[in-house]
Amino acid sequence: MVGLAEFFERKPDVEVVVFAGKGGLGKTTSSAALSYYKAVNEGKKVLCFSTDPQASLSDIFERDLFGKGIIEVAPNLHVVEIDADKNIASYQQEIKQKILDMYELDELPKEIEEYIDSTSAEPAMYESATYDAMADLVSSKEYDLYVFDMPPFGHGVRMVAMAEILSAWVDKITEARKEAAEYEAVASTLRGGVETEDMILKELGEIRRKMDTFTGLMTNSEKTAFFMVMVPEKMAILDTERALAMFKELNIGMSGVVVNQTYPRDLLNKPDLPDFLKKKIEGQEDHLIEIREKFGDLVSALIPMYDREPKGLDMISHVAEDLMHSRRDLLWW
């Protein structure tokens, strides 16, 4: 097993860490713990970013963070929890204003305004708005490390693929706009007018450059690390197998697997151990052995079960130590 501490020793240039997986398995806990360790223990300036609309980071840090912008919750540790609906509304208003400015209109035609408003219901709009927010944050280069808590698994994979989808969309729009610009230039010349800079093409070019930069970073294994979070249960093992296959199709290598909610093996040596807990621990054994056989050296950390919920900075600091330096008594191999 290559632990997380050793992973970062071997990959000192990592700038982005993404935790993905199904909901409720510990992505937010892992994101908060890694962010805490890197910020407080190592003194790095860290931004922990949530793309989950359930305001999970607010719950973990026990602070009202949702939609409040970037907040420093501990020395060097900054957290932002995006209000996606607000972002989408702002994004739509920005598009409307650009159309008004580009075409010198006093008001938008009704059908265009209705079309823009209707896009908020599109399934990909949330991912697009969030991807755009992620790209903006990383392109600012204000932080040493960006830690992203992905939304539940399916959305996480779609967001990784969104870069290629958006890039293809921008390319098609740019091509159509260039053709239109050629006709406009000819018409302007015939009218004796002066050709002006195409602001639409300029805007599309800026979007494309930003996406190219961010996509290049996300697919650079020296700069970006992806970790799947799972628990020692059959369905979680199957989900993780599927996730690894899907990320492989996107040409993105998985950096490691974090196994959460693991009972320490040495508990079985306690004579007064309750029978139900003994059966629970023994039930995990087969799953942990299967995890070892299927994921091998990808297993980077084993986080134990705690006697209380991992919330608040004190508990997060404990999780951070277990995440970075997994206890040997948790290992079943």
C-alpha atoms as a PDB file:
ATOM      1  CA  MET A   1       0.000   0.000   0.000  1.00  0.00           C
ATOM      2  CA  VAL A   2       1.347   3.410  -1.016  1.00  0.00           C
ATOM      3  CA  GLY A   3       0.130   5.835   1.661  1.00  0.00           C
ATOM      4  CA  LEU A   4      -1.016   9.377   0.981  1.00  0.00           C
ATOM      5  CA  ALA A   5       1.990  10.889   2.726  1.00  0.00           C
ATOM      6  CA  GLU A   6       4.301   8.853   0.506  1.00  0.00           C
ATOM      7  CA  PHE A   7       2.218   9.729  -2.569  1.00  0.00           C
ATOM      8  CA  PHE A   8       2.732  13.462  -2.039  1.00  0.00           C
ATOM      9  CA  GLU A   9       6.432  12.916  -1.362  1.00  0.00           C
ATOM     10  CA  ARG A  10       6.689  11.273  -4.785  1.00  0.00           C
ATOM     11  CA  LYS A  11       4.423  13.881  -6.420  1.00  0.00           C
ATOM     12  CA  PRO A  12       5.549  17.228  -4.948  1.00  0.00           C
ATOM     13  CA  ASP A  13       4.184  19.230  -7.899  1.00  0.00           C
ATOM     14  CA  VAL A  14       0.526  18.254  -7.420  1.00  0.00           C
ATOM     15  CA  GLU A  15      -1.654  21.381  -7.495  1.00  0.00           C
ATOM     16  CA  VAL A  16      -5.142  19.848  -7.705  1.00  0.00           C
ATOM     17  CA  VAL A  17      -6.640  16.925  -5.778  1.00  0.00           C
ATOM     18  CA  VAL A  18     -10.081  15.548  -6.677  1.00  0.00           C
ATOM     19  CA  PHE A  19     -12.041  13.183  -4.436  1.00  0.00           C
ATOM     20  CA  ALA A  20     -14.761  11.289  -6.332  1.00  0.00           C
ATOM     21  CA  GLY A  21     -17.209   8.519  -5.545  1.00  0.00           C
ATOM     22  CA  LYS A  22     -20.769   7.824  -4.457  1.00  0.00           C
ATOM     23  CA  GLY A  23     -22.529  10.041  -1.953  1.00  0.00           C
ATOM     24  CA  GLY A  24     -22.254   9.329   1.756  1.00  0.00           C
ATOM     25  CA  LEU A  25     -18.973   7.383   1.624  1.00  0.00           C
ATOM     26  CA  GLY A  26     -16.593  10.066   2.876  1.00  0.00           C
ATOM     27  CA  LYS A  27     -15.563  12.321  -0.039  1.00  0.00           C
ATOM     28  CA  THR A  28     -16.257  15.498   1.901  1.00  0.00           C
ATOM     29  CA  THR A  29     -14.527  14.151   5.012  1.00  0.00           C
ATOM     30  CA  SER A  30     -11.464  13.179   2.941  1.00  0.00           C
ATOM     31  CA  SER A  31     -11.416  16.562   1.182  1.00  0.00           C
ATOM     32  CA  ALA A  32     -11.631  18.455   4.465  1.00  0.00           C
ATOM     33  CA  ALA A  33      -8.997  16.244   6.134  1.00  0.00           C
ATOM     34  CA  LEU A  34      -6.446  16.556   3.332  1.00  0.00           C
ATOM     35  CA  SER A  35      -7.022  20.316   3.112  1.00  0.00           C
ATOM     36  CA  TYR A  36      -6.547  20.648   6.869  1.00  0.00           C
ATOM     37  CA  TYR A  37      -3.336  18.599   6.902  1.00  0.00           C
ATOM     38  CA  LYS A  38      -1.736  20.452   4.006  1.00  0.00           C
ATOM     39  CA  ALA A  39      -2.733  23.881   5.366  1.00  0.00           C
ATOM     40  CA  VAL A  40      -2.196  23.515   9.104  1.00  0.00           C
ATOM     41  CA  ASN A  41       0.520  20.836   9.277  1.00  0.00           C
ATOM     42  CA  GLU A  42       2.516  21.821   6.181  1.00  0.00           C
ATOM     43  CA  GLY A  43       1.720  25.536   5.927  1.00  0.00           C
ATOM     44  CA  LYS A  44       0.446  25.426   2.341  1.00  0.00           C
ATOM     45  CA  LYS A  45      -2.214  27.877   1.212  1.00  0.00           C
ATOM     46  CA  VAL A  46      -5.151  25.587   0.416  1.00  0.00           C
ATOM     47  CA  LEU A  47      -8.585  26.090  -1.120  1.00  0.00           C
ATOM     48  CA  CYS A  48     -11.161  23.357  -0.465  1.00  0.00           C
ATOM     49  CA  PHE A  49     -13.979  23.622  -3.002  1.00  0.00           C
ATOM     50  CA  SER A  50     -17.329  21.869  -2.913  1.00  0.00           C
ATOM     51  CA  THR A  51     -19.372  21.118  -6.012  1.00  0.00           C
ATOM     52  CA  ASP A  52     -22.053  19.359  -3.970  1.00  0.00           C
ATOM     53  CA  PRO A  53     -25.375  21.252  -3.660  1.00  0.00           C
ATOM     54  CA  GLN A  54     -26.026  19.588  -0.268  1.00  0.00           C
ATOM     55  CA  ALA A  55     -23.690  22.023   1.542  1.00  0.00           C
ATOM     56  CA  SER A  56     -21.588  19.157   2.956  1.00  0.00           C
ATOM     57  CA  LEU A  57     -18.544  21.271   3.796  1.00  0.00           C
ATOM     58  CA  SER A  58     -20.718  23.504   5.973  1.00  0.00           C
ATOM     59  CA  ASP A  59     -21.699  20.375   7.878  1.00  0.00           C
ATOM     60  CA  ILE A  60     -18.130  19.066   8.233  1.00  0.00           C
ATOM     61  CA  PHE A  61     -16.588  22.384   9.311  1.00  0.00           C
ATOM     62  CA  GLU A  62     -19.666  23.343  11.350  1.00  0.00           C
ATOM     63  CA  ARG A  63     -19.760  26.735   9.663  1.00  0.00           C
ATOM     64  CA  ASP A  64     -22.323  28.419   7.414  1.00  0.00           C
ATOM     65  CA  LEU A  65     -20.314  28.393   4.172  1.00  0.00           C
ATOM     66  CA  PHE A  66     -22.929  27.834   1.460  1.00  0.00           C
ATOM     67  CA  GLY A  67     -22.964  30.654  -1.071  1.00  0.00           C
ATOM     68  CA  LYS A  68     -20.847  32.894   1.188  1.00  0.00           C
ATOM     69  CA  GLY A  69     -17.751  33.031  -1.024  1.00  0.00           C
ATOM     70  CA  ILE A  70     -14.251  32.028   0.085  1.00  0.00           C
ATOM     71  CA  ILE A  71     -13.896  31.798   3.883  1.00  0.00           C
ATOM     72  CA  GLU A  72     -10.748  31.062   5.911  1.00  0.00           C
ATOM     73  CA  VAL A  73     -11.711  28.429   8.519  1.00  0.00           C
ATOM     74  CA  ALA A  74      -8.203  27.759   9.866  1.00  0.00           C
ATOM     75  CA  PRO A  75      -4.707  29.156   9.232  1.00  0.00           C
ATOM     76  CA  ASN A  76      -4.002  28.826   5.461  1.00  0.00           C
ATOM     77  CA  LEU A  77      -7.206  26.787   4.994  1.00  0.00           C
ATOM     78  CA  HIS A  78      -9.830  28.435   2.804  1.00  0.00           C
ATOM     79  CA  VAL A  79     -13.188  26.909   1.899  1.00  0.00           C
ATOM     80  CA  VAL A  80     -15.763  27.815  -0.739  1.00  0.00           C
ATOM     81  CA  GLU A  81     -19.140  26.160  -1.191  1.00  0.00           C
ATOM     82  CA  ILE A  82     -20.721  27.250  -4.463  1.00  0.00           C
ATOM     83  CA  ASP A  83     -24.435  28.043  -4.737  1.00  0.00           C
ATOM     84  CA  ALA A  84     -24.874  26.499  -8.199  1.00  0.00           C
ATOM     85  CA  ASP A  85     -28.359  27.942  -8.783  1.00  0.00           C
ATOM     86  CA  LYS A  86     -27.076  31.447  -8.043  1.00  0.00           C
ATOM     87  CA  ASN A  87     -24.113  30.846 -10.343  1.00  0.00           C
ATOM     88  CA  ILE A  88     -26.374  29.699 -13.161  1.00  0.00           C
ATOM     89  CA  ALA A  89     -28.603  32.778 -12.792  1.00  0.00           C
ATOM     90  CA  SER A  90     -25.547  35.043 -12.843  1.00  0.00           C
ATOM     91  CA  TYR A  91     -24.164  33.165 -15.849  1.00  0.00           C
ATOM     92  CA  GLN A  92     -27.442  33.610 -17.752  1.00  0.00           C
ATOM     93  CA  GLN A  93     -27.557  37.337 -16.968  1.00  0.00           C
ATOM     94  CA  GLU A  94     -23.982  37.699 -18.203  1.00  0.00           C
ATOM     95  CA  ILE A  95     -24.907  36.041 -21.507  1.00  0.00           C
ATOM     96  CA  LYS A  96     -27.910  38.354 -21.917  1.00  0.00           C
ATOM     97  CA  GLN A  97     -25.805  41.437 -21.274  1.00  0.00           C
ATOM     98  CA  LYS A  98     -23.137  40.358 -23.754  1.00  0.00           C
ATOM     99  CA  ILE A  99     -25.777  39.920 -26.464  1.00  0.00           C
ATOM    100  CA  LEU A 100     -27.182  43.378 -25.700  1.00  0.00           C
ATOM    101  CA  ASP A 101     -23.708  44.945 -25.837  1.00  0.00           C
ATOM    102  CA  MET A 102     -22.512  43.099 -28.950  1.00  0.00           C
ATOM    103  CA  TYR A 103     -25.577  43.930 -31.012  1.00  0.00           C
ATOM    104  CA  GLU A 104     -26.275  47.352 -29.412  1.00  0.00           C
ATOM    105  CA  LEU A 105     -29.804  46.349 -28.426  1.00  0.00           C
ATOM    106  CA  ASP A 106     -32.012  48.133 -25.889  1.00  0.00           C
ATOM    107  CA  GLU A 107     -33.746  44.883 -24.974  1.00  0.00           C
ATOM    108  CA  LEU A 108     -33.535  41.209 -25.903  1.00  0.00           C
ATOM    109  CA  PRO A 109     -36.067  39.719 -28.297  1.00  0.00           C
ATOM    110  CA  LYS A 110     -38.592  37.760 -26.206  1.00  0.00           C
ATOM    111  CA  GLU A 111     -37.828  34.388 -27.803  1.00  0.00           C
ATOM    112  CA  ILE A 112     -34.083  34.738 -27.119  1.00  0.00           C
ATOM    113  CA  GLU A 113     -34.630  35.706 -23.492  1.00  0.00           C
ATOM    114  CA  GLU A 114     -37.018  32.775 -22.978  1.00  0.00           C
ATOM    115  CA  TYR A 115     -34.511  30.391 -24.540  1.00  0.00           C
ATOM    116  CA  ILE A 116     -31.681  31.574 -22.262  1.00  0.00           C
ATOM    117  CA  ASP A 117     -33.918  31.326 -19.179  1.00  0.00           C
ATOM    118  CA  SER A 118     -34.966  27.787 -20.113  1.00  0.00           C
ATOM    119  CA  THR A 119     -31.369  26.554 -20.133  1.00  0.00           C
ATOM    120  CA  SER A 120     -31.336  26.483 -16.312  1.00  0.00           C
ATOM    121  CA  ALA A 121     -33.369  23.273 -16.583  1.00  0.00           C
ATOM    122  CA  GLU A 122     -30.815  21.579 -18.845  1.00  0.00           C
ATOM    123  CA  PRO A 123     -29.169  18.570 -17.109  1.00  0.00           C
ATOM    124  CA  ALA A 124     -25.667  19.724 -18.081  1.00  0.00           C
ATOM    125  CA  MET A 125     -26.111  23.346 -16.970  1.00  0.00           C
ATOM    126  CA  TYR A 126     -25.164  22.588 -13.344  1.00  0.00           C
ATOM    127  CA  GLU A 127     -21.989  20.775 -14.413  1.00  0.00           C
ATOM    128  CA  SER A 128     -21.125  23.514 -16.939  1.00  0.00           C
ATOM    129  CA  ALA A 129     -21.517  26.294 -14.378  1.00  0.00           C
ATOM    130  CA  THR A 130     -19.532  24.346 -11.775  1.00  0.00           C
ATOM    131  CA  TYR A 131     -16.799  23.438 -14.243  1.00  0.00           C
ATOM    132  CA  ASP A 132     -16.517  27.100 -15.184  1.00  0.00           C
ATOM    133  CA  ALA A 133     -16.210  28.039 -11.490  1.00  0.00           C
ATOM    134  CA  MET A 134     -13.519  25.388 -10.974  1.00  0.00           C
ATOM    135  CA  ALA A 135     -11.568  26.651 -13.980  1.00  0.00           C
ATOM    136  CA  ASP A 136     -11.764  30.247 -12.771  1.00  0.00           C
ATOM    137  CA  LEU A 137     -10.513  29.330  -9.299  1.00  0.00           C
ATOM    138  CA  VAL A 138      -7.567  27.279 -10.549  1.00  0.00           C
ATOM    139  CA  SER A 139      -6.587  29.807 -13.235  1.00  0.00           C
ATOM    140  CA  SER A 140      -6.199  32.482 -10.533  1.00  0.00           C
ATOM    141  CA  LYS A 141      -3.212  30.543  -9.106  1.00  0.00           C
ATOM    142  CA  GLU A 142      -3.787  32.129  -5.687  1.00  0.00           C
ATOM    143  CA  TYR A 143      -3.379  28.859  -3.795  1.00  0.00           C
ATOM    144  CA  ASP A 144      -0.702  26.194  -3.489  1.00  0.00           C
ATOM    145  CA  LEU A 145      -3.268  23.395  -3.536  1.00  0.00           C
ATOM    146  CA  TYR A 146      -6.875  23.087  -4.717  1.00  0.00           C
ATOM    147  CA  VAL A 147      -8.928  20.242  -3.237  1.00  0.00           C
ATOM    148  CA  PHE A 148     -12.223  19.477  -4.980  1.00  0.00           C
ATOM    149  CA  ASP A 149     -15.037  17.570  -3.301  1.00  0.00           C
ATOM    150  CA  MET A 150     -16.922  16.174  -6.298  1.00  0.00           C
ATOM    151  CA  PRO A 151     -20.695  15.699  -6.215  1.00  0.00           C
ATOM    152  CA  PRO A 152     -21.993  12.079  -6.120  1.00  0.00           C
ATOM    153  CA  PHE A 153     -20.213   9.724  -8.482  1.00  0.00           C
ATOM    154  CA  GLY A 154     -22.230  10.035 -11.706  1.00  0.00           C
ATOM    155  CA  HIS A 155     -22.000  13.822 -11.663  1.00  0.00           C
ATOM    156  CA  GLY A 156     -18.311  13.653 -10.875  1.00  0.00           C
ATOM    157  CA  VAL A 157     -17.555  11.593 -13.959  1.00  0.00           C
ATOM    158  CA  ARG A 158     -19.709  13.864 -16.142  1.00  0.00           C
ATOM    159  CA  MET A 159     -17.826  16.880 -14.848  1.00  0.00           C
ATOM    160  CA  VAL A 160     -14.504  15.332 -15.788  1.00  0.00           C
ATOM    161  CA  ALA A 161     -15.873  14.660 -19.282  1.00  0.00           C
ATOM    162  CA  MET A 162     -17.390  18.154 -19.489  1.00  0.00           C
ATOM    163  CA  ALA A 163     -14.072  19.649 -20.591  1.00  0.00           C
ATOM    164  CA  GLU A 164     -14.124  17.718 -23.876  1.00  0.00           C
ATOM    165  CA  ILE A 165     -17.830  18.416 -24.398  1.00  0.00           C
ATOM    166  CA  LEU A 166     -17.449  22.161 -23.844  1.00  0.00           C
ATOM    167  CA  SER A 167     -14.333  22.315 -25.988  1.00  0.00           C
ATOM    168  CA  ALA A 168     -16.139  20.646 -28.899  1.00  0.00           C
ATOM    169  CA  TRP A 169     -19.075  23.047 -28.459  1.00  0.00           C
ATOM    170  CA  VAL A 170     -16.811  26.116 -28.495  1.00  0.00           C
ATOM    171  CA  ASP A 171     -15.007  24.822 -31.589  1.00  0.00           C
ATOM    172  CA  LYS A 172     -18.292  24.424 -33.489  1.00  0.00           C
ATOM    173  CA  ILE A 173     -19.576  27.850 -32.448  1.00  0.00           C
ATOM    174  CA  THR A 174     -16.234  29.421 -33.377  1.00  0.00           C
ATOM    175  CA  GLU A 175     -16.293  27.786 -36.823  1.00  0.00           C
ATOM    176  CA  ALA A 176     -19.851  29.021 -37.461  1.00  0.00           C
ATOM    177  CA  ARG A 177     -18.939  32.495 -36.232  1.00  0.00           C
ATOM    178  CA  LYS A 178     -15.897  32.676 -38.528  1.00  0.00           C
ATOM    179  CA  GLU A 179     -18.073  31.858 -41.522  1.00  0.00           C
ATOM    180  CA  ALA A 180     -20.564  34.526 -40.493  1.00  0.00           C
ATOM    181  CA  ALA A 181     -17.736  37.013 -39.973  1.00  0.00           C
ATOM    182  CA  GLU A 182     -16.489  36.437 -43.527  1.00  0.00           C
ATOM    183  CA  TYR A 183     -19.893  37.342 -44.933  1.00  0.00           C
ATOM    184  CA  GLU A 184     -20.073  40.392 -42.660  1.00  0.00           C
ATOM    185  CA  ALA A 185     -16.627  41.538 -43.825  1.00  0.00           C
ATOM    186  CA  VAL A 186     -17.639  41.254 -47.483  1.00  0.00           C
ATOM    187  CA  ALA A 187     -20.858  43.143 -46.834  1.00  0.00           C
ATOM    188  CA  SER A 188     -19.008  45.850 -44.937  1.00  0.00           C
ATOM    189  CA  THR A 189     -16.519  46.278 -47.775  1.00  0.00           C
ATOM    190  CA  LEU A 190     -19.308  46.563 -50.344  1.00  0.00           C
ATOM    191  CA  ARG A 191     -20.928  49.228 -48.172  1.00  0.00           C
ATOM    192  CA  GLY A 192     -17.629  51.066 -47.911  1.00  0.00           C
ATOM    193  CA  GLY A 193     -17.517  50.489 -44.166  1.00  0.00           C
ATOM    194  CA  VAL A 194     -14.586  49.581 -41.936  1.00  0.00           C
ATOM    195  CA  GLU A 195     -14.209  46.042 -40.606  1.00  0.00           C
ATOM    196  CA  THR A 196     -14.269  45.974 -36.803  1.00  0.00           C
ATOM    197  CA  GLU A 197     -12.918  43.390 -34.385  1.00  0.00           C
ATOM    198  CA  ASP A 198     -15.302  40.484 -33.890  1.00  0.00           C
ATOM    199  CA  MET A 199     -16.005  40.574 -30.153  1.00  0.00           C
ATOM    200  CA  ILE A 200     -17.843  37.253 -30.262  1.00  0.00           C
ATOM    201  CA  LEU A 201     -14.820  35.454 -31.717  1.00  0.00           C
ATOM    202  CA  LYS A 202     -12.613  37.140 -29.146  1.00  0.00           C
ATOM    203  CA  GLU A 203     -14.867  35.937 -26.333  1.00  0.00           C
ATOM    204  CA  LEU A 204     -14.929  32.386 -27.702  1.00  0.00           C
ATOM    205  CA  GLY A 205     -11.152  32.431 -27.970  1.00  0.00           C
ATOM    206  CA  GLU A 206     -10.825  33.410 -24.299  1.00  0.00           C
ATOM    207  CA  ILE A 207     -13.188  30.626 -23.242  1.00  0.00           C
ATOM    208  CA  ARG A 208     -11.242  28.093 -25.323  1.00  0.00           C
ATOM    209  CA  ARG A 209      -7.900  29.165 -23.878  1.00  0.00           C
ATOM    210  CA  LYS A 210      -9.182  28.908 -20.321  1.00  0.00           C
ATOM    211  CA  MET A 211     -10.616  25.442 -20.951  1.00  0.00           C
ATOM    212  CA  ASP A 212      -7.460  24.225 -22.667  1.00  0.00           C
ATOM    213  CA  THR A 213      -5.350  25.359 -19.732  1.00  0.00           C
ATOM    214  CA  PHE A 214      -7.647  23.737 -17.171  1.00  0.00           C
ATOM    215  CA  THR A 215      -8.078  20.520 -19.197  1.00  0.00           C
ATOM    216  CA  GLY A 216      -4.322  20.245 -19.572  1.00  0.00           C
ATOM    217  CA  LEU A 217      -3.943  20.568 -15.820  1.00  0.00           C
ATOM    218  CA  MET A 218      -6.688  18.035 -15.034  1.00  0.00           C
ATOM    219  CA  THR A 219      -5.121  15.388 -17.282  1.00  0.00           C
ATOM    220  CA  ASN A 220      -1.556  15.993 -16.079  1.00  0.00           C
ATOM    221  CA  SER A 221      -0.794  13.251 -13.549  1.00  0.00           C
ATOM    222  CA  GLU A 222       2.105  15.274 -12.148  1.00  0.00           C
ATOM    223  CA  LYS A 223      -0.171  18.228 -11.373  1.00  0.00           C
ATOM    224  CA  THR A 224      -3.541  16.621 -10.609  1.00  0.00           C
ATOM    225  CA  ALA A 225      -4.469  13.616  -8.458  1.00  0.00           C
ATOM    226  CA  PHE A 226      -7.797  11.751  -8.509  1.00  0.00           C
ATOM    227  CA  PHE A 227      -8.800   9.610  -5.513  1.00  0.00           C
ATOM    228  CA  MET A 228     -11.842   7.364  -5.286  1.00  0.00           C
ATOM    229  CA  VAL A 229     -13.464   7.106  -1.848  1.00  0.00           C
ATOM    230  CA  MET A 230     -15.223   3.872  -0.898  1.00  0.00           C
ATOM    231  CA  VAL A 231     -16.246   1.726   2.064  1.00  0.00           C
ATOM    232  CA  PRO A 232     -15.618  -2.033   2.550  1.00  0.00           C
ATOM    233  CA  GLU A 233     -18.954  -3.160   1.133  1.00  0.00           C
ATOM    234  CA  LYS A 234     -19.820  -5.181  -1.985  1.00  0.00           C
ATOM    235  CA  MET A 235     -21.683  -2.411  -3.852  1.00  0.00           C
ATOM    236  CA  ALA A 236     -18.918   0.088  -3.154  1.00  0.00           C
ATOM    237  CA  ILE A 237     -16.359  -2.327  -4.609  1.00  0.00           C
ATOM    238  CA  LEU A 238     -18.430  -2.743  -7.786  1.00  0.00           C
ATOM    239  CA  ASP A 239     -18.958   1.041  -8.077  1.00  0.00           C
ATOM    240  CA  THR A 240     -15.231   1.656  -7.708  1.00  0.00           C
ATOM    241  CA  GLU A 241     -14.435  -0.904 -10.411  1.00  0.00           C
ATOM    242  CA  ARG A 242     -16.846   0.861 -12.778  1.00  0.00           C
ATOM    243  CA  ALA A 243     -15.384   4.238 -11.870  1.00  0.00           C
ATOM    244  CA  LEU A 244     -11.849   3.106 -12.641  1.00  0.00           C
ATOM    245  CA  ALA A 245     -13.002   1.854 -16.053  1.00  0.00           C
ATOM    246  CA  MET A 246     -14.811   5.124 -16.822  1.00  0.00           C
ATOM    247  CA  PHE A 247     -11.862   7.280 -15.813  1.00  0.00           C
ATOM    248  CA  LYS A 248      -9.626   5.087 -17.975  1.00  0.00           C
ATOM    249  CA  GLU A 249     -11.895   5.817 -20.951  1.00  0.00           C
ATOM    250  CA  LEU A 250     -11.317   9.524 -20.262  1.00  0.00           C
ATOM    251  CA  ASN A 251      -7.544   8.880 -20.305  1.00  0.00           C
ATOM    252  CA  ILE A 252      -7.281   9.859 -16.660  1.00  0.00           C
ATOM    253  CA  GLY A 253      -5.333   7.602 -14.328  1.00  0.00           C
ATOM    254  CA  MET A 254      -6.607   7.039 -10.799  1.00  0.00           C
ATOM    255  CA  SER A 255      -4.023   8.137  -8.224  1.00  0.00           C
ATOM    256  CA  GLY A 256      -5.409   6.054  -5.401  1.00  0.00           C
ATOM    257  CA  VAL A 257      -8.327   4.681  -3.415  1.00  0.00           C
ATOM    258  CA  VAL A 258      -9.347   5.775   0.079  1.00  0.00           C
ATOM    259  CA  VAL A 259     -11.185   3.102   2.099  1.00  0.00           C
ATOM    260  CA  ASN A 260     -13.377   4.746   4.734  1.00  0.00           C
ATOM    261  CA  GLN A 261     -15.312   3.421   7.778  1.00  0.00           C
ATOM    262  CA  THR A 262     -12.893   0.573   8.471  1.00  0.00           C
ATOM    263  CA  TYR A 263     -12.983  -1.228  11.822  1.00  0.00           C
ATOM    264  CA  PRO A 264      -9.550  -1.816  13.414  1.00  0.00           C
ATOM    265  CA  ARG A 265      -8.653  -5.496  13.229  1.00  0.00           C
ATOM    266  CA  ASP A 266      -7.265  -5.622  16.750  1.00  0.00           C
ATOM    267  CA  LEU A 267     -10.753  -5.073  18.166  1.00  0.00           C
ATOM    268  CA  LEU A 268     -11.331  -8.793  17.610  1.00  0.00           C
ATOM    269  CA  ASN A 269      -8.785  -9.489  20.372  1.00  0.00           C
ATOM    270  CA  LYS A 270     -10.974  -7.839  23.011  1.00  0.00           C
ATOM    271  CA  PRO A 271     -12.808 -10.460  25.097  1.00  0.00           C
ATOM    272  CA  ASP A 272     -15.651  -8.095  25.978  1.00  0.00           C
ATOM    273  CA  LEU A 273     -16.368  -7.130  22.356  1.00  0.00           C
ATOM    274  CA  PRO A 274     -20.158  -7.106  21.714  1.00  0.00           C
ATOM    275  CA  ASP A 275     -21.282  -9.933  19.456  1.00  0.00           C
ATOM    276  CA  PHE A 276     -22.934  -7.643  16.890  1.00  0.00           C
ATOM    277  CA  LEU A 277     -19.711  -5.625  16.510  1.00  0.00           C
ATOM    278  CA  LYS A 278     -17.658  -8.810  16.206  1.00  0.00           C
ATOM    279  CA  LYS A 279     -19.884  -9.964  13.326  1.00  0.00           C
ATOM    280  CA  LYS A 280     -19.643  -6.539  11.705  1.00  0.00           C
ATOM    281  CA  ILE A 281     -15.843  -6.606  11.791  1.00  0.00           C
ATOM    282  CA  GLU A 282     -15.681 -10.190  10.551  1.00  0.00           C
ATOM    283  CA  GLY A 283     -18.074  -9.243   7.754  1.00  0.00           C
ATOM    284  CA  GLN A 284     -15.668  -6.538   6.597  1.00  0.00           C
ATOM    285  CA  GLU A 285     -12.763  -8.963   6.379  1.00  0.00           C
ATOM    286  CA  ASP A 286     -13.825 -10.590   3.097  1.00  0.00           C
ATOM    287  CA  HIS A 287     -14.501  -7.194   1.527  1.00  0.00           C
ATOM    288  CA  LEU A 288     -11.136  -5.805   2.602  1.00  0.00           C
ATOM    289  CA  ILE A 289      -9.373  -8.862   1.181  1.00  0.00           C
ATOM    290  CA  GLU A 290     -11.278  -8.355  -2.092  1.00  0.00           C
ATOM    291  CA  ILE A 291     -10.269  -4.674  -2.105  1.00  0.00           C
ATOM    292  CA  ARG A 292      -6.655  -5.720  -1.669  1.00  0.00           C
ATOM    293  CA  GLU A 293      -6.900  -8.214  -4.536  1.00  0.00           C
ATOM    294  CA  LYS A 294      -8.718  -5.896  -6.956  1.00  0.00           C
ATOM    295  CA  PHE A 295      -7.101  -2.531  -6.234  1.00  0.00           C
ATOM    296  CA  GLY A 296      -3.742  -3.508  -4.720  1.00  0.00           C
ATOM    297  CA  ASP A 297      -1.281  -0.638  -4.523  1.00  0.00           C
ATOM    298  CA  LEU A 298      -4.023   1.848  -5.463  1.00  0.00           C
ATOM    299  CA  VAL A 299      -5.203   1.670  -1.846  1.00  0.00           C
ATOM    300  CA  SER A 300      -3.689   4.836  -0.386  1.00  0.00           C
ATOM    301  CA  ALA A 301      -5.450   5.185   2.949  1.00  0.00           C
ATOM    302  CA  LEU A 302      -7.722   3.328   5.356  1.00  0.00           C
ATOM    303  CA  ILE A 303      -9.799   5.587   7.609  1.00  0.00           C
ATOM    304  CA  PRO A 304     -11.243   3.991  10.751  1.00  0.00           C
ATOM    305  CA  MET A 305     -14.697   4.237  12.240  1.00  0.00           C
ATOM    306  CA  TYR A 306     -14.808   6.886  14.961  1.00  0.00           C
ATOM    307  CA  ASP A 307     -16.768   7.037  18.191  1.00  0.00           C
ATOM    308  CA  ARG A 308     -18.423  10.240  16.964  1.00  0.00           C
ATOM    309  CA  GLU A 309     -19.076  12.014  13.691  1.00  0.00           C
ATOM    310  CA  PRO A 310     -15.961  13.564  12.083  1.00  0.00           C
ATOM    311  CA  LYS A 311     -17.140  17.181  12.356  1.00  0.00           C
ATOM    312  CA  GLY A 312     -15.357  20.292  13.561  1.00  0.00           C
ATOM    313  CA  LEU A 313     -11.679  21.166  13.336  1.00  0.00           C
ATOM    314  CA  ASP A 314     -10.659  18.933  16.249  1.00  0.00           C
ATOM    315  CA  MET A 315     -12.094  15.777  14.663  1.00  0.00           C
ATOM    316  CA  ILE A 316     -10.916  16.807  11.197  1.00  0.00           C
ATOM    317  CA  SER A 317      -7.363  16.983  12.544  1.00  0.00           C
ATOM    318  CA  HIS A 318      -7.672  13.349  13.741  1.00  0.00           C
ATOM    319  CA  VAL A 319      -9.034  12.241  10.365  1.00  0.00           C
ATOM    320  CA  ALA A 320      -6.192  14.102   8.645  1.00  0.00           C
ATOM    321  CA  GLU A 321      -3.601  12.067  10.558  1.00  0.00           C
ATOM    322  CA  ASP A 322      -5.359   8.783   9.721  1.00  0.00           C
ATOM    323  CA  LEU A 323      -5.738   9.800   6.081  1.00  0.00           C
ATOM    324  CA  MET A 324      -2.070  10.692   5.646  1.00  0.00           C
ATOM    325  CA  HIS A 325      -0.608   7.983   7.893  1.00  0.00           C
ATOM    326  CA  SER A 326      -2.964   4.993   7.951  1.00  0.00           C
ATOM    327  CA  ARG A 327      -2.724   2.880  11.079  1.00  0.00           C
ATOM    328  CA  ARG A 328      -1.101  -0.505  10.557  1.00  0.00           C
ATOM    329  CA  ASP A 329      -3.659  -2.257  12.763  1.00  0.00           C
ATOM    330  CA  LEU A 330      -6.322  -1.463  10.167  1.00  0.00           C
ATOM    331  CA  LEU A 331      -4.589  -3.532   7.522  1.00  0.00           C
ATOM    332  CA  TRP A 332      -5.970  -6.958   6.722  1.00  0.00           C
ATOM    333  CA  TRP A 333      -3.053  -7.959   4.517  1.00  0.00           C
END
